[in-house]
Amino acid sequence: QVQLVESGGGLVQVGASLRLSCAASGLSFSDRGMGWFRQAPGKDREFVAAITWSGVSTSYADSVKGRFTISRDNAENTLYLQMNSLKPEDTAVYYCAARTFGTTVLSTTATAYTYWGQGTQVTVSS
């Protein structure tokens, strides 16, 4: 059974940092691309960041570029999202997502991801 479990969310003030983690189990983590998405109240789920299986290539939404960093530890089956200089508009539920086994290209589209976590809430207060 595939499980993606996010953690690290919380309530922070503007300008603060958070590090989200996504622990993966039940799948071959190191053989697939991974991504982070987020969904704010009343809005559609949107792409945040993606990373290839090797971690060599990454992609970011323009709204987070320069502030967020996606990374992975294949030995620990864990995906990370370091979020710095947080803004109120970053408030959302953040989801970890895994692509199909063997995918080698980055994707910013939610439909390209096969498995999803339950999400972790990030709230940035002004």
Protein backbone atom coordinates (compact mmCIF):
# COMPACT_ATOMS: atom_id res chain seq x y z
CA GLN A 1 0.00 0.00 0.00
CA VAL A 2 1.43 3.31 -1.11
CA GLN A 3 1.60 6.00 1.54
CA LEU A 4 2.78 9.57 1.30
CA VAL A 5 2.71 11.32 4.66
CA GLU A 6 3.40 15.04 4.85
CA SER A 7 4.56 16.81 7.98
CA GLY A 8 6.09 20.11 9.03
CA GLY A 9 3.20 22.47 8.40
CA GLY A 10 2.04 25.04 10.91
CA LEU A 11 1.15 28.62 11.72
CA VAL A 12 3.95 31.12 11.16
CA GLN A 13 4.37 34.85 10.67
CA VAL A 14 5.29 36.64 7.48
CA GLY A 15 8.94 36.17 6.64
CA ALA A 16 9.34 32.96 8.57
CA SER A 17 10.55 29.62 7.26
CA LEU A 18 9.15 26.12 7.32
CA ARG A 19 10.43 22.78 6.09
CA LEU A 20 7.89 20.30 4.88
CA SER A 21 8.68 16.59 4.71
CA CYS A 22 6.96 13.79 2.85
CA ALA A 23 7.71 10.25 3.97
CA ALA A 24 7.03 7.69 1.24
CA SER A 25 6.39 3.99 1.68
CA GLY A 26 5.00 1.14 -0.39
CA LEU A 27 6.63 2.33 -3.61
CA SER A 28 10.05 2.52 -5.23
CA PHE A 29 10.74 6.10 -4.23
CA SER A 30 14.06 6.55 -6.01
CA ASP A 31 12.66 5.54 -9.41
CA ARG A 32 10.16 8.32 -9.95
CA GLY A 33 9.70 12.04 -10.06
CA MET A 34 8.05 13.82 -7.15
CA GLY A 35 6.26 17.08 -6.66
CA TRP A 36 4.62 19.49 -4.26
CA PHE A 37 1.26 21.11 -4.89
CA ARG A 38 -0.90 23.37 -2.77
CA GLN A 39 -4.54 24.34 -2.49
CA ALA A 40 -5.84 27.47 -0.84
CA PRO A 41 -9.48 27.81 0.29
CA GLY A 42 -11.75 28.42 -2.67
CA LYS A 43 -8.97 27.91 -5.20
CA ASP A 44 -7.82 25.10 -7.45
CA ARG A 45 -4.85 22.94 -6.57
CA GLU A 46 -1.70 24.50 -8.00
CA PHE A 47 1.79 23.35 -8.78
CA VAL A 48 4.55 24.43 -6.40
CA ALA A 49 7.70 22.44 -7.24
CA ALA A 50 8.88 19.24 -8.88
CA ILE A 51 12.05 17.16 -8.83
CA THR A 52 13.39 14.32 -10.95
CA TRP A 53 14.18 10.90 -9.51
CA SER A 54 17.86 11.78 -9.20
CA GLY A 55 17.29 15.22 -7.76
CA VAL A 56 19.42 16.79 -10.47
CA SER A 57 16.59 18.73 -12.12
CA THR A 58 13.93 20.82 -10.44
CA SER A 59 11.11 23.14 -11.45
CA TYR A 60 9.25 25.83 -9.52
CA ALA A 61 6.15 27.92 -9.86
CA ASP A 62 7.02 31.55 -10.52
CA SER A 63 5.31 32.54 -7.28
CA VAL A 64 7.78 30.54 -5.15
CA LYS A 65 10.95 30.71 -7.24
CA GLY A 66 13.86 31.95 -5.19
CA ARG A 67 12.06 31.31 -1.89
CA PHE A 68 11.27 27.58 -1.94
CA THR A 69 13.63 24.67 -2.50
CA ILE A 70 12.60 21.11 -3.26
CA SER A 71 14.95 18.26 -2.45
CA ARG A 72 14.89 14.55 -1.79
CA ASP A 73 16.76 11.88 0.14
CA ASN A 74 16.38 8.63 -1.74
CA ALA A 75 18.10 6.66 1.01
CA GLU A 76 15.41 7.84 3.45
CA ASN A 77 12.50 7.78 0.98
CA THR A 78 11.75 11.37 1.89
CA LEU A 79 10.86 14.46 -0.10
CA TYR A 80 11.39 17.96 1.29
CA LEU A 81 10.20 21.48 0.63
CA GLN A 82 12.18 24.25 2.30
CA MET A 83 10.05 27.39 2.36
CA ASN A 84 11.66 30.72 3.20
CA SER A 85 10.36 34.28 3.29
CA LEU A 86 6.81 33.05 3.64
CA LYS A 87 3.97 35.32 2.58
CA PRO A 88 0.25 35.30 3.46
CA GLU A 89 -0.49 34.12 -0.09
CA ASP A 90 1.48 30.95 0.65
CA THR A 91 -1.30 29.90 3.03
CA ALA A 92 -2.68 26.60 1.77
CA VAL A 93 -2.78 22.88 2.28
CA TYR A 94 0.42 21.45 0.81
CA TYR A 95 0.37 18.06 -0.87
CA CYS A 96 3.16 15.69 -1.76
CA ALA A 97 2.70 13.73 -4.99
CA ALA A 98 4.50 10.87 -6.73
CA ARG A 99 4.65 10.12 -10.42
CA THR A 100 4.44 6.72 -12.06
CA PHE A 101 7.44 4.41 -11.75
CA GLY A 102 10.19 5.19 -14.22
CA THR A 103 9.14 8.73 -15.13
CA THR A 104 12.21 10.75 -15.98
CA VAL A 105 10.87 14.16 -16.93
CA LEU A 106 9.55 16.94 -14.75
CA SER A 107 5.86 17.70 -14.74
CA THR A 108 3.95 20.67 -13.39
CA THR A 109 0.56 19.11 -14.07
CA ALA A 110 -1.41 17.45 -11.27
CA THR A 111 -2.80 14.80 -13.60
CA ALA A 112 0.74 13.52 -14.23
CA TYR A 113 0.99 12.38 -10.61
CA THR A 114 -0.33 9.01 -9.53
CA TYR A 115 -0.13 9.07 -5.75
CA TRP A 116 -1.01 11.84 -3.31
CA GLY A 117 -0.60 12.49 0.37
CA GLN A 118 -3.30 13.82 2.67
CA GLY A 119 -1.73 17.25 2.93
CA THR A 120 -0.34 19.49 5.65
CA GLN A 121 -1.69 22.94 6.49
CA VAL A 122 0.55 25.97 6.19
CA THR A 123 -0.81 29.25 7.50
CA VAL A 124 1.13 32.49 7.22
CA SER A 125 -0.21 35.36 9.29
CA SER A 126 0.50 39.01 8.57
